[in-house]
Amino acid sequence: MNAITFYTRRLEQATSFEFNVFDNQFATENLAVRKVLMAMLESVQDRLSDVEIEYNDGMLAEKIGAKRAGELLRFMGANKDNSRETRSNGVVVSRTFRAPLTEERYEYFYNLKDIVTLAHYRLKEGEEDRIVFYFTRYLQLIAPDDQATDKFFARLDSFSLPYKLVPIS
């Protein structure tokens, strides 16, 4: 297996590790990609408090079916009170909501078979992003300290995932 490339940079006190989907040329449901997400989750698990999800109704329904889409959104905590719409020319192009990251929701992400099931999500520590998946472009870990970084590397090693770090400014 080729080494997985992570683009790294400092963000104030944190370190960003970005897995670019195109550069790494793995299918988003590939086990290696799933293990990257699992390692990210484990590295900041004790810090995560909320999940924020942006989705397009039609695209999500097309991907997993209308009934499952509705069930998934309710499971993730979407409701009329916490949802906001993004419109373009009067048409709703996406909806976003934020909800507490419960143990069941954490397990959903940890066991996710395809990281693009939801198009854009953020796992947060308060107001700070810790894990971001952005529209099939990248999966990012924002490790707040050396302990989280060490956990991330240790988990990648335990999964036998070779990786290389490419610093960017």
C-alpha atoms as a PDB file:
ATOM      1  CA  MET A   1       0.000   0.000   0.000  1.00  0.00           C
ATOM      2  CA  ASN A   2       1.201   3.508  -0.782  1.00  0.00           C
ATOM      3  CA  ALA A   3       1.633   5.861   2.120  1.00  0.00           C
ATOM      4  CA  ILE A   4      -1.366   8.016   2.964  1.00  0.00           C
ATOM      5  CA  THR A   5      -0.512  11.680   2.586  1.00  0.00           C
ATOM      6  CA  PHE A   6      -1.534  14.188   5.225  1.00  0.00           C
ATOM      7  CA  TYR A   7      -1.015  17.885   4.582  1.00  0.00           C
ATOM      8  CA  THR A   8      -0.049  19.499   7.872  1.00  0.00           C
ATOM      9  CA  ARG A   9      -0.002  23.038   9.161  1.00  0.00           C
ATOM     10  CA  ARG A  10      -0.153  24.892  12.449  1.00  0.00           C
ATOM     11  CA  LEU A  11      -3.395  26.621  13.346  1.00  0.00           C
ATOM     12  CA  GLU A  12      -2.558  28.745  16.393  1.00  0.00           C
ATOM     13  CA  GLN A  13      -2.069  26.133  19.164  1.00  0.00           C
ATOM     14  CA  ALA A  14      -3.390  23.191  17.097  1.00  0.00           C
ATOM     15  CA  THR A  15      -2.037  21.081  14.244  1.00  0.00           C
ATOM     16  CA  SER A  16      -4.158  20.352  11.188  1.00  0.00           C
ATOM     17  CA  PHE A  17      -3.845  16.995   9.402  1.00  0.00           C
ATOM     18  CA  GLU A  18      -5.681  17.083   6.084  1.00  0.00           C
ATOM     19  CA  PHE A  19      -6.416  13.926   4.119  1.00  0.00           C
ATOM     20  CA  ASN A  20      -7.112  15.117   0.572  1.00  0.00           C
ATOM     21  CA  VAL A  21      -9.462  12.592  -1.052  1.00  0.00           C
ATOM     22  CA  PHE A  22      -8.301  13.302  -4.627  1.00  0.00           C
ATOM     23  CA  ASP A  23      -4.581  13.153  -3.868  1.00  0.00           C
ATOM     24  CA  ASN A  24      -4.815   9.885  -1.985  1.00  0.00           C
ATOM     25  CA  GLN A  25      -6.858   8.170  -4.733  1.00  0.00           C
ATOM     26  CA  PHE A  26      -8.791   5.811  -2.468  1.00  0.00           C
ATOM     27  CA  ALA A  27     -12.504   5.203  -2.808  1.00  0.00           C
ATOM     28  CA  THR A  28     -14.289   6.919   0.076  1.00  0.00           C
ATOM     29  CA  GLU A  29     -15.584   3.560   1.303  1.00  0.00           C
ATOM     30  CA  ASN A  30     -12.094   2.006   1.260  1.00  0.00           C
ATOM     31  CA  LEU A  31     -11.077   0.442   4.567  1.00  0.00           C
ATOM     32  CA  ALA A  32      -7.933   2.599   4.716  1.00  0.00           C
ATOM     33  CA  VAL A  33     -10.045   5.765   4.486  1.00  0.00           C
ATOM     34  CA  ARG A  34     -12.416   4.465   7.137  1.00  0.00           C
ATOM     35  CA  LYS A  35      -9.429   3.748   9.393  1.00  0.00           C
ATOM     36  CA  VAL A  36      -8.167   7.304   8.904  1.00  0.00           C
ATOM     37  CA  LEU A  37     -11.518   8.586  10.173  1.00  0.00           C
ATOM     38  CA  MET A  38     -11.449   6.089  13.048  1.00  0.00           C
ATOM     39  CA  ALA A  39      -7.940   7.225  14.061  1.00  0.00           C
ATOM     40  CA  MET A  40      -9.033  10.859  13.923  1.00  0.00           C
ATOM     41  CA  LEU A  41     -12.076  10.133  16.063  1.00  0.00           C
ATOM     42  CA  GLU A  42     -10.093   8.216  18.658  1.00  0.00           C
ATOM     43  CA  SER A  43      -7.463  10.945  18.938  1.00  0.00           C
ATOM     44  CA  VAL A  44      -9.976  13.576  20.084  1.00  0.00           C
ATOM     45  CA  GLN A  45     -12.837  11.399  21.346  1.00  0.00           C
ATOM     46  CA  ASP A  46     -12.790  12.744  24.893  1.00  0.00           C
ATOM     47  CA  ARG A  47     -12.990  16.334  23.617  1.00  0.00           C
ATOM     48  CA  LEU A  48     -15.898  16.079  21.163  1.00  0.00           C
ATOM     49  CA  SER A  49     -19.145  17.717  22.209  1.00  0.00           C
ATOM     50  CA  ASP A  50     -21.220  18.484  19.112  1.00  0.00           C
ATOM     51  CA  VAL A  51     -21.842  17.519  15.525  1.00  0.00           C
ATOM     52  CA  GLU A  52     -22.744  19.988  12.789  1.00  0.00           C
ATOM     53  CA  ILE A  53     -24.083  18.623   9.516  1.00  0.00           C
ATOM     54  CA  GLU A  54     -24.800  20.346   6.220  1.00  0.00           C
ATOM     55  CA  TYR A  55     -26.810  18.423   3.650  1.00  0.00           C
ATOM     56  CA  ASN A  56     -28.940  18.733   0.550  1.00  0.00           C
ATOM     57  CA  ASP A  57     -32.284  16.948   0.888  1.00  0.00           C
ATOM     58  CA  GLY A  58     -32.397  15.628  -2.666  1.00  0.00           C
ATOM     59  CA  MET A  59     -28.788  14.470  -2.782  1.00  0.00           C
ATOM     60  CA  LEU A  60     -29.028  12.671   0.561  1.00  0.00           C
ATOM     61  CA  ALA A  61     -32.317  11.009  -0.427  1.00  0.00           C
ATOM     62  CA  GLU A  62     -30.797   9.935  -3.747  1.00  0.00           C
ATOM     63  CA  LYS A  63     -27.756   8.497  -1.983  1.00  0.00           C
ATOM     64  CA  ILE A  64     -29.463   6.465   0.759  1.00  0.00           C
ATOM     65  CA  GLY A  65     -33.192   6.676   0.039  1.00  0.00           C
ATOM     66  CA  ALA A  66     -35.760   9.163   1.317  1.00  0.00           C
ATOM     67  CA  LYS A  67     -36.890   7.087   4.294  1.00  0.00           C
ATOM     68  CA  ARG A  68     -33.349   6.317   5.489  1.00  0.00           C
ATOM     69  CA  ALA A  69     -32.341   9.952   4.941  1.00  0.00           C
ATOM     70  CA  GLY A  70     -35.125  11.150   7.211  1.00  0.00           C
ATOM     71  CA  GLU A  71     -34.279   8.522   9.825  1.00  0.00           C
ATOM     72  CA  LEU A  72     -30.577   9.427   9.727  1.00  0.00           C
ATOM     73  CA  LEU A  73     -31.220  13.156  10.074  1.00  0.00           C
ATOM     74  CA  ARG A  74     -33.565  12.612  13.032  1.00  0.00           C
ATOM     75  CA  PHE A  75     -31.029  10.244  14.609  1.00  0.00           C
ATOM     76  CA  MET A  76     -28.322  12.894  14.194  1.00  0.00           C
ATOM     77  CA  GLY A  77     -30.536  15.430  15.943  1.00  0.00           C
ATOM     78  CA  ALA A  78     -32.011  17.514  13.125  1.00  0.00           C
ATOM     79  CA  ASN A  79     -35.249  19.282  13.948  1.00  0.00           C
ATOM     80  CA  LYS A  80     -37.039  22.480  12.973  1.00  0.00           C
ATOM     81  CA  ASP A  81     -35.607  24.379  15.935  1.00  0.00           C
ATOM     82  CA  ASN A  82     -31.916  23.735  15.201  1.00  0.00           C
ATOM     83  CA  SER A  83     -31.945  23.757  11.378  1.00  0.00           C
ATOM     84  CA  ARG A  84     -31.133  26.673   9.135  1.00  0.00           C
ATOM     85  CA  GLU A  85     -31.469  26.906   5.376  1.00  0.00           C
ATOM     86  CA  THR A  86     -29.014  28.203   2.804  1.00  0.00           C
ATOM     87  CA  ARG A  87     -30.826  29.624  -0.214  1.00  0.00           C
ATOM     88  CA  SER A  88     -29.759  30.661  -3.676  1.00  0.00           C
ATOM     89  CA  ASN A  89     -32.232  32.669  -5.767  1.00  0.00           C
ATOM     90  CA  GLY A  90     -34.997  31.692  -3.352  1.00  0.00           C
ATOM     91  CA  VAL A  91     -34.277  27.956  -3.598  1.00  0.00           C
ATOM     92  CA  VAL A  92     -33.044  25.937  -0.621  1.00  0.00           C
ATOM     93  CA  VAL A  93     -29.653  24.499  -1.629  1.00  0.00           C
ATOM     94  CA  SER A  94     -28.718  23.042   1.748  1.00  0.00           C
ATOM     95  CA  ARG A  95     -29.716  22.777   5.374  1.00  0.00           C
ATOM     96  CA  THR A  96     -27.423  22.836   8.392  1.00  0.00           C
ATOM     97  CA  PHE A  97     -28.013  21.790  11.972  1.00  0.00           C
ATOM     98  CA  ARG A  98     -25.989  21.291  15.109  1.00  0.00           C
ATOM     99  CA  ALA A  99     -26.699  18.785  17.883  1.00  0.00           C
ATOM    100  CA  PRO A 100     -24.901  17.225  20.838  1.00  0.00           C
ATOM    101  CA  LEU A 101     -22.551  14.393  19.882  1.00  0.00           C
ATOM    102  CA  THR A 102     -24.013  11.518  21.859  1.00  0.00           C
ATOM    103  CA  GLU A 103     -22.296   8.174  22.254  1.00  0.00           C
ATOM    104  CA  GLU A 104     -24.646   6.700  19.622  1.00  0.00           C
ATOM    105  CA  ARG A 105     -23.811   9.455  17.143  1.00  0.00           C
ATOM    106  CA  TYR A 106     -20.095   9.004  17.801  1.00  0.00           C
ATOM    107  CA  GLU A 107     -20.493   5.274  17.107  1.00  0.00           C
ATOM    108  CA  TYR A 108     -22.278   6.095  13.851  1.00  0.00           C
ATOM    109  CA  PHE A 109     -19.235   8.026  12.617  1.00  0.00           C
ATOM    110  CA  TYR A 110     -16.808   5.467  13.992  1.00  0.00           C
ATOM    111  CA  ASN A 111     -18.579   2.651  12.123  1.00  0.00           C
ATOM    112  CA  LEU A 112     -19.317   4.680   8.980  1.00  0.00           C
ATOM    113  CA  LYS A 113     -18.862   2.525   5.888  1.00  0.00           C
ATOM    114  CA  ASP A 114     -18.510   5.453   3.466  1.00  0.00           C
ATOM    115  CA  ILE A 115     -17.253   8.808   4.718  1.00  0.00           C
ATOM    116  CA  VAL A 116     -19.344  10.669   2.097  1.00  0.00           C
ATOM    117  CA  THR A 117     -22.741   9.426   3.269  1.00  0.00           C
ATOM    118  CA  LEU A 118     -23.142  12.906   4.721  1.00  0.00           C
ATOM    119  CA  ALA A 119     -21.646  15.533   2.408  1.00  0.00           C
ATOM    120  CA  HIS A 120     -20.302  17.984   5.010  1.00  0.00           C
ATOM    121  CA  TYR A 121     -19.902  17.466   8.720  1.00  0.00           C
ATOM    122  CA  ARG A 122     -17.965  18.902  11.605  1.00  0.00           C
ATOM    123  CA  LEU A 123     -17.285  17.204  14.900  1.00  0.00           C
ATOM    124  CA  LYS A 124     -16.668  19.957  17.411  1.00  0.00           C
ATOM    125  CA  GLU A 125     -15.237  20.682  20.828  1.00  0.00           C
ATOM    126  CA  GLY A 126     -17.460  23.575  21.873  1.00  0.00           C
ATOM    127  CA  GLU A 127     -17.002  26.111  19.084  1.00  0.00           C
ATOM    128  CA  GLU A 128     -13.718  24.604  17.826  1.00  0.00           C
ATOM    129  CA  ASP A 129     -13.679  22.194  14.882  1.00  0.00           C
ATOM    130  CA  ARG A 130     -11.819  18.965  15.617  1.00  0.00           C
ATOM    131  CA  ILE A 131     -12.801  16.793  12.614  1.00  0.00           C
ATOM    132  CA  VAL A 132     -14.136  18.197   9.351  1.00  0.00           C
ATOM    133  CA  PHE A 133     -15.304  16.368   6.248  1.00  0.00           C
ATOM    134  CA  TYR A 134     -15.915  18.720   3.350  1.00  0.00           C
ATOM    135  CA  PHE A 135     -17.826  17.616   0.236  1.00  0.00           C
ATOM    136  CA  THR A 136     -15.612  14.737  -0.923  1.00  0.00           C
ATOM    137  CA  ARG A 137     -12.613  17.069  -0.966  1.00  0.00           C
ATOM    138  CA  TYR A 138     -10.936  16.442   2.360  1.00  0.00           C
ATOM    139  CA  LEU A 139     -11.131  14.904   5.795  1.00  0.00           C
ATOM    140  CA  GLN A 140      -9.325  16.985   8.417  1.00  0.00           C
ATOM    141  CA  LEU A 141      -8.233  16.482  12.002  1.00  0.00           C
ATOM    142  CA  ILE A 142      -7.456  19.574  14.021  1.00  0.00           C
ATOM    143  CA  ALA A 143      -5.435  18.161  16.912  1.00  0.00           C
ATOM    144  CA  PRO A 144      -5.425  20.657  19.775  1.00  0.00           C
ATOM    145  CA  ASP A 145      -2.247  19.381  21.461  1.00  0.00           C
ATOM    146  CA  ASP A 146       0.616  16.896  21.317  1.00  0.00           C
ATOM    147  CA  GLN A 147      -1.404  14.273  23.199  1.00  0.00           C
ATOM    148  CA  ALA A 148      -4.083  14.202  20.471  1.00  0.00           C
ATOM    149  CA  THR A 149      -1.392  14.152  17.775  1.00  0.00           C
ATOM    150  CA  ASP A 150       0.395  11.251  19.483  1.00  0.00           C
ATOM    151  CA  LYS A 151      -2.884   9.317  19.790  1.00  0.00           C
ATOM    152  CA  PHE A 152      -3.567   9.904  16.093  1.00  0.00           C
ATOM    153  CA  PHE A 153      -0.151   8.593  15.012  1.00  0.00           C
ATOM    154  CA  ALA A 154      -0.365   5.641  17.419  1.00  0.00           C
ATOM    155  CA  ARG A 155      -3.748   4.643  16.044  1.00  0.00           C
ATOM    156  CA  LEU A 156      -2.578   4.910  12.426  1.00  0.00           C
ATOM    157  CA  ASP A 157       0.386   2.695  13.368  1.00  0.00           C
ATOM    158  CA  SER A 158      -1.867   0.164  15.118  1.00  0.00           C
ATOM    159  CA  PHE A 159      -3.959  -0.012  11.933  1.00  0.00           C
ATOM    160  CA  SER A 160      -0.716  -0.606   9.948  1.00  0.00           C
ATOM    161  CA  LEU A 161      -1.452   2.441   7.793  1.00  0.00           C
ATOM    162  CA  PRO A 162       1.739   3.904   6.327  1.00  0.00           C
ATOM    163  CA  TYR A 163       1.587   7.675   6.130  1.00  0.00           C
ATOM    164  CA  LYS A 164       3.682  10.662   5.222  1.00  0.00           C
ATOM    165  CA  LEU A 165       3.364  14.249   6.371  1.00  0.00           C
ATOM    166  CA  VAL A 166       3.638  17.123   3.916  1.00  0.00           C
ATOM    167  CA  PRO A 167       3.913  20.517   5.640  1.00  0.00           C
ATOM    168  CA  ILE A 168       2.075  23.405   3.982  1.00  0.00           C
ATOM    169  CA  SER A 169       1.986  27.064   4.951  1.00  0.00           C
END
